[in-house]
Amino acid sequence: MSVEIRGSRRSRSGQATPEFALVAFALLVLLLGIVEISRLLSASEVLSAAARAGGRVAATTLSGARDAAVTTSVQTAAASYFAPANLSVSVSSVTDASGQPVVTVTVTGKLALLFANWIAGNTTLNGKPAMSVTRSATFRDEMVAL
């Protein structure tokens, strides 16, 4: 014989709504975090490709015209994610440990964050939280090696 307690159904009938609200909020935060991290990883790959493109130009350009040519090449390669004002490009020429002349292109870009504002700390871009991403590429300086 089963005995049903009165009122037990009524007390549990609204329990799904707050549980759903808690779970939905947690899943939404997780989804937005995944989107933001994916954007940062994609921007990092774009900057890596831009640094390599700039490095190839730097390795095959005479030092007098090198900086302008590298900057133009990097800005063109990174245009899908970064405005030219949000990019910083530096070119340095040194001799490595084996005596070979090398040129290093370092690219830093600022990317505005969409959701994860707590990641950025104090870095801003046009008043919005932003993240700085830096990549570099080193090539043998073919113009000095000749």
C-alpha atoms as a PDB file:
ATOM      1  CA  MET A   1       0.000   0.000   0.000  1.00  0.00           C
ATOM      2  CA  SER A   2       1.441   3.360  -0.955  1.00  0.00           C
ATOM      3  CA  VAL A   3       0.768   6.497   0.942  1.00  0.00           C
ATOM      4  CA  GLU A   4       0.964   9.875  -0.766  1.00  0.00           C
ATOM      5  CA  ILE A   5       1.778  12.901   1.281  1.00  0.00           C
ATOM      6  CA  ARG A   6      -0.297  15.917   0.399  1.00  0.00           C
ATOM      7  CA  GLY A   7       1.537  19.011  -0.817  1.00  0.00           C
ATOM      8  CA  SER A   8       4.718  17.216  -1.900  1.00  0.00           C
ATOM      9  CA  ARG A   9       3.977  17.734  -5.573  1.00  0.00           C
ATOM     10  CA  ARG A  10       3.258  21.404  -5.151  1.00  0.00           C
ATOM     11  CA  SER A  11       6.463  22.105  -3.251  1.00  0.00           C
ATOM     12  CA  ARG A  12       8.641  20.543  -5.972  1.00  0.00           C
ATOM     13  CA  SER A  13       6.796  21.769  -9.045  1.00  0.00           C
ATOM     14  CA  GLY A  14       8.655  25.120  -9.260  1.00  0.00           C
ATOM     15  CA  GLN A  15      12.090  23.708  -8.467  1.00  0.00           C
ATOM     16  CA  ALA A  16      13.160  23.279 -12.105  1.00  0.00           C
ATOM     17  CA  THR A  17      13.076  27.005 -12.854  1.00  0.00           C
ATOM     18  CA  PRO A  18      15.807  28.129 -10.404  1.00  0.00           C
ATOM     19  CA  GLU A  19      17.903  25.068 -11.242  1.00  0.00           C
ATOM     20  CA  PHE A  20      17.650  25.875 -14.939  1.00  0.00           C
ATOM     21  CA  ALA A  21      18.579  29.506 -14.268  1.00  0.00           C
ATOM     22  CA  LEU A  22      21.736  28.466 -12.417  1.00  0.00           C
ATOM     23  CA  VAL A  23      22.789  25.920 -15.016  1.00  0.00           C
ATOM     24  CA  ALA A  24      21.966  28.205 -17.960  1.00  0.00           C
ATOM     25  CA  PHE A  25      24.008  31.041 -16.460  1.00  0.00           C
ATOM     26  CA  ALA A  26      27.011  28.756 -15.909  1.00  0.00           C
ATOM     27  CA  LEU A  27      26.775  27.402 -19.459  1.00  0.00           C
ATOM     28  CA  LEU A  28      26.455  30.905 -20.908  1.00  0.00           C
ATOM     29  CA  VAL A  29      29.573  32.087 -19.052  1.00  0.00           C
ATOM     30  CA  LEU A  30      31.438  28.996 -20.281  1.00  0.00           C
ATOM     31  CA  LEU A  31      30.304  29.574 -23.868  1.00  0.00           C
ATOM     32  CA  LEU A  32      31.315  33.243 -23.839  1.00  0.00           C
ATOM     33  CA  GLY A  33      34.714  32.316 -22.379  1.00  0.00           C
ATOM     34  CA  ILE A  34      35.252  29.781 -25.144  1.00  0.00           C
ATOM     35  CA  VAL A  35      34.372  32.392 -27.778  1.00  0.00           C
ATOM     36  CA  GLU A  36      36.779  34.951 -26.268  1.00  0.00           C
ATOM     37  CA  ILE A  37      39.684  32.493 -25.930  1.00  0.00           C
ATOM     38  CA  SER A  38      39.064  31.310 -29.506  1.00  0.00           C
ATOM     39  CA  ARG A  39      39.269  34.902 -30.762  1.00  0.00           C
ATOM     40  CA  LEU A  40      42.543  35.428 -28.892  1.00  0.00           C
ATOM     41  CA  LEU A  41      44.038  32.221 -30.306  1.00  0.00           C
ATOM     42  CA  SER A  42      42.936  33.167 -33.812  1.00  0.00           C
ATOM     43  CA  ALA A  43      44.432  36.652 -33.422  1.00  0.00           C
ATOM     44  CA  SER A  44      47.652  35.073 -32.175  1.00  0.00           C
ATOM     45  CA  GLU A  45      47.870  32.939 -35.319  1.00  0.00           C
ATOM     46  CA  VAL A  46      47.203  35.984 -37.516  1.00  0.00           C
ATOM     47  CA  LEU A  47      50.031  37.861 -35.760  1.00  0.00           C
ATOM     48  CA  SER A  48      52.372  34.887 -36.172  1.00  0.00           C
ATOM     49  CA  ALA A  49      51.673  34.831 -39.901  1.00  0.00           C
ATOM     50  CA  ALA A  50      52.139  38.610 -40.088  1.00  0.00           C
ATOM     51  CA  ALA A  51      55.479  38.389 -38.250  1.00  0.00           C
ATOM     52  CA  ARG A  52      56.648  35.669 -40.659  1.00  0.00           C
ATOM     53  CA  ALA A  53      55.571  37.749 -43.655  1.00  0.00           C
ATOM     54  CA  GLY A  54      57.412  40.747 -42.253  1.00  0.00           C
ATOM     55  CA  GLY A  55      60.450  38.596 -41.528  1.00  0.00           C
ATOM     56  CA  ARG A  56      60.601  37.359 -45.112  1.00  0.00           C
ATOM     57  CA  VAL A  57      60.442  40.949 -46.369  1.00  0.00           C
ATOM     58  CA  ALA A  58      63.090  42.054 -43.841  1.00  0.00           C
ATOM     59  CA  ALA A  59      65.432  39.243 -44.857  1.00  0.00           C
ATOM     60  CA  THR A  60      65.331  40.249 -48.513  1.00  0.00           C
ATOM     61  CA  THR A  61      65.252  44.069 -48.261  1.00  0.00           C
ATOM     62  CA  LEU A  62      68.202  46.421 -47.860  1.00  0.00           C
ATOM     63  CA  SER A  63      68.409  47.975 -44.414  1.00  0.00           C
ATOM     64  CA  GLY A  64      67.667  51.531 -45.618  1.00  0.00           C
ATOM     65  CA  ALA A  65      64.145  50.709 -46.803  1.00  0.00           C
ATOM     66  CA  ARG A  66      63.561  47.768 -44.475  1.00  0.00           C
ATOM     67  CA  ASP A  67      61.432  49.284 -41.691  1.00  0.00           C
ATOM     68  CA  ALA A  68      58.797  50.822 -43.985  1.00  0.00           C
ATOM     69  CA  ALA A  69      58.570  47.692 -46.153  1.00  0.00           C
ATOM     70  CA  VAL A  70      58.241  45.415 -43.116  1.00  0.00           C
ATOM     71  CA  THR A  71      55.596  47.604 -41.480  1.00  0.00           C
ATOM     72  CA  THR A  72      53.530  47.661 -44.689  1.00  0.00           C
ATOM     73  CA  SER A  73      53.841  43.876 -45.066  1.00  0.00           C
ATOM     74  CA  VAL A  74      52.817  43.221 -41.439  1.00  0.00           C
ATOM     75  CA  GLN A  75      49.859  45.611 -41.604  1.00  0.00           C
ATOM     76  CA  THR A  76      48.623  43.963 -44.799  1.00  0.00           C
ATOM     77  CA  ALA A  77      48.961  40.456 -43.366  1.00  0.00           C
ATOM     78  CA  ALA A  78      47.250  41.344 -40.069  1.00  0.00           C
ATOM     79  CA  ALA A  79      44.481  43.499 -41.537  1.00  0.00           C
ATOM     80  CA  SER A  80      41.801  40.849 -40.875  1.00  0.00           C
ATOM     81  CA  TYR A  81      42.071  41.358 -37.086  1.00  0.00           C
ATOM     82  CA  PHE A  82      44.063  44.513 -36.384  1.00  0.00           C
ATOM     83  CA  ALA A  83      43.788  48.114 -37.528  1.00  0.00           C
ATOM     84  CA  PRO A  84      47.180  49.640 -38.391  1.00  0.00           C
ATOM     85  CA  ALA A  85      46.946  51.921 -35.334  1.00  0.00           C
ATOM     86  CA  ASN A  86      46.670  48.839 -33.075  1.00  0.00           C
ATOM     87  CA  LEU A  87      49.901  47.254 -34.343  1.00  0.00           C
ATOM     88  CA  SER A  88      53.445  47.857 -33.191  1.00  0.00           C
ATOM     89  CA  VAL A  89      56.270  46.535 -35.385  1.00  0.00           C
ATOM     90  CA  SER A  90      59.967  46.455 -34.514  1.00  0.00           C
ATOM     91  CA  VAL A  91      62.844  45.169 -36.632  1.00  0.00           C
ATOM     92  CA  SER A  92      66.265  44.314 -35.233  1.00  0.00           C
ATOM     93  CA  SER A  93      69.369  43.027 -36.973  1.00  0.00           C
ATOM     94  CA  VAL A  94      72.025  41.124 -35.039  1.00  0.00           C
ATOM     95  CA  THR A  95      74.605  38.409 -35.520  1.00  0.00           C
ATOM     96  CA  ASP A  96      73.695  35.108 -33.890  1.00  0.00           C
ATOM     97  CA  ALA A  97      76.020  32.793 -31.953  1.00  0.00           C
ATOM     98  CA  SER A  98      77.189  31.025 -35.121  1.00  0.00           C
ATOM     99  CA  GLY A  99      78.171  34.324 -36.778  1.00  0.00           C
ATOM    100  CA  GLN A 100      75.202  34.462 -39.159  1.00  0.00           C
ATOM    101  CA  PRO A 101      73.440  37.811 -39.630  1.00  0.00           C
ATOM    102  CA  VAL A 102      69.790  37.495 -38.604  1.00  0.00           C
ATOM    103  CA  VAL A 103      66.849  39.858 -38.614  1.00  0.00           C
ATOM    104  CA  THR A 104      64.035  39.605 -36.053  1.00  0.00           C
ATOM    105  CA  VAL A 105      60.585  41.096 -36.574  1.00  0.00           C
ATOM    106  CA  THR A 106      58.477  41.539 -33.441  1.00  0.00           C
ATOM    107  CA  VAL A 107      54.796  42.389 -33.804  1.00  0.00           C
ATOM    108  CA  THR A 108      52.468  43.428 -30.976  1.00  0.00           C
ATOM    109  CA  GLY A 109      48.756  43.895 -31.555  1.00  0.00           C
ATOM    110  CA  LYS A 110      45.943  45.024 -29.295  1.00  0.00           C
ATOM    111  CA  LEU A 111      42.626  43.216 -29.596  1.00  0.00           C
ATOM    112  CA  ALA A 112      39.471  44.539 -27.923  1.00  0.00           C
ATOM    113  CA  LEU A 113      37.737  41.948 -25.770  1.00  0.00           C
ATOM    114  CA  LEU A 114      34.044  41.257 -26.258  1.00  0.00           C
ATOM    115  CA  PHE A 115      33.051  39.473 -23.059  1.00  0.00           C
ATOM    116  CA  ALA A 116      35.940  38.544 -20.764  1.00  0.00           C
ATOM    117  CA  ASN A 117      36.720  41.990 -19.409  1.00  0.00           C
ATOM    118  CA  TRP A 118      38.361  40.588 -16.270  1.00  0.00           C
ATOM    119  CA  ILE A 119      41.167  39.067 -18.384  1.00  0.00           C
ATOM    120  CA  ALA A 120      42.497  42.394 -19.665  1.00  0.00           C
ATOM    121  CA  GLY A 121      43.463  44.032 -16.399  1.00  0.00           C
ATOM    122  CA  ASN A 122      44.342  47.673 -17.115  1.00  0.00           C
ATOM    123  CA  THR A 123      44.962  47.353 -20.875  1.00  0.00           C
ATOM    124  CA  THR A 124      42.433  49.337 -22.888  1.00  0.00           C
ATOM    125  CA  LEU A 125      41.728  50.081 -26.533  1.00  0.00           C
ATOM    126  CA  ASN A 126      39.458  53.072 -27.216  1.00  0.00           C
ATOM    127  CA  GLY A 127      38.201  52.864 -23.639  1.00  0.00           C
ATOM    128  CA  LYS A 128      37.316  49.160 -23.892  1.00  0.00           C
ATOM    129  CA  PRO A 129      39.218  46.287 -22.258  1.00  0.00           C
ATOM    130  CA  ALA A 130      41.839  44.860 -24.610  1.00  0.00           C
ATOM    131  CA  MET A 131      44.482  42.165 -24.715  1.00  0.00           C
ATOM    132  CA  SER A 132      47.995  42.585 -26.121  1.00  0.00           C
ATOM    133  CA  VAL A 133      49.360  39.740 -28.230  1.00  0.00           C
ATOM    134  CA  THR A 134      53.058  39.635 -29.223  1.00  0.00           C
ATOM    135  CA  ARG A 135      54.698  37.375 -31.793  1.00  0.00           C
ATOM    136  CA  SER A 136      58.125  37.415 -33.435  1.00  0.00           C
ATOM    137  CA  ALA A 137      59.938  35.755 -36.306  1.00  0.00           C
ATOM    138  CA  THR A 138      63.668  35.469 -36.944  1.00  0.00           C
ATOM    139  CA  PHE A 139      65.197  34.946 -40.384  1.00  0.00           C
ATOM    140  CA  ARG A 140      68.709  34.901 -41.809  1.00  0.00           C
ATOM    141  CA  ASP A 141      69.490  38.363 -43.197  1.00  0.00           C
ATOM    142  CA  GLU A 142      70.075  37.539 -46.866  1.00  0.00           C
ATOM    143  CA  MET A 143      71.118  41.084 -47.766  1.00  0.00           C
ATOM    144  CA  VAL A 144      74.073  41.061 -45.340  1.00  0.00           C
ATOM    145  CA  ALA A 145      74.912  37.414 -45.995  1.00  0.00           C
ATOM    146  CA  LEU A 146      75.665  38.119 -49.675  1.00  0.00           C
END
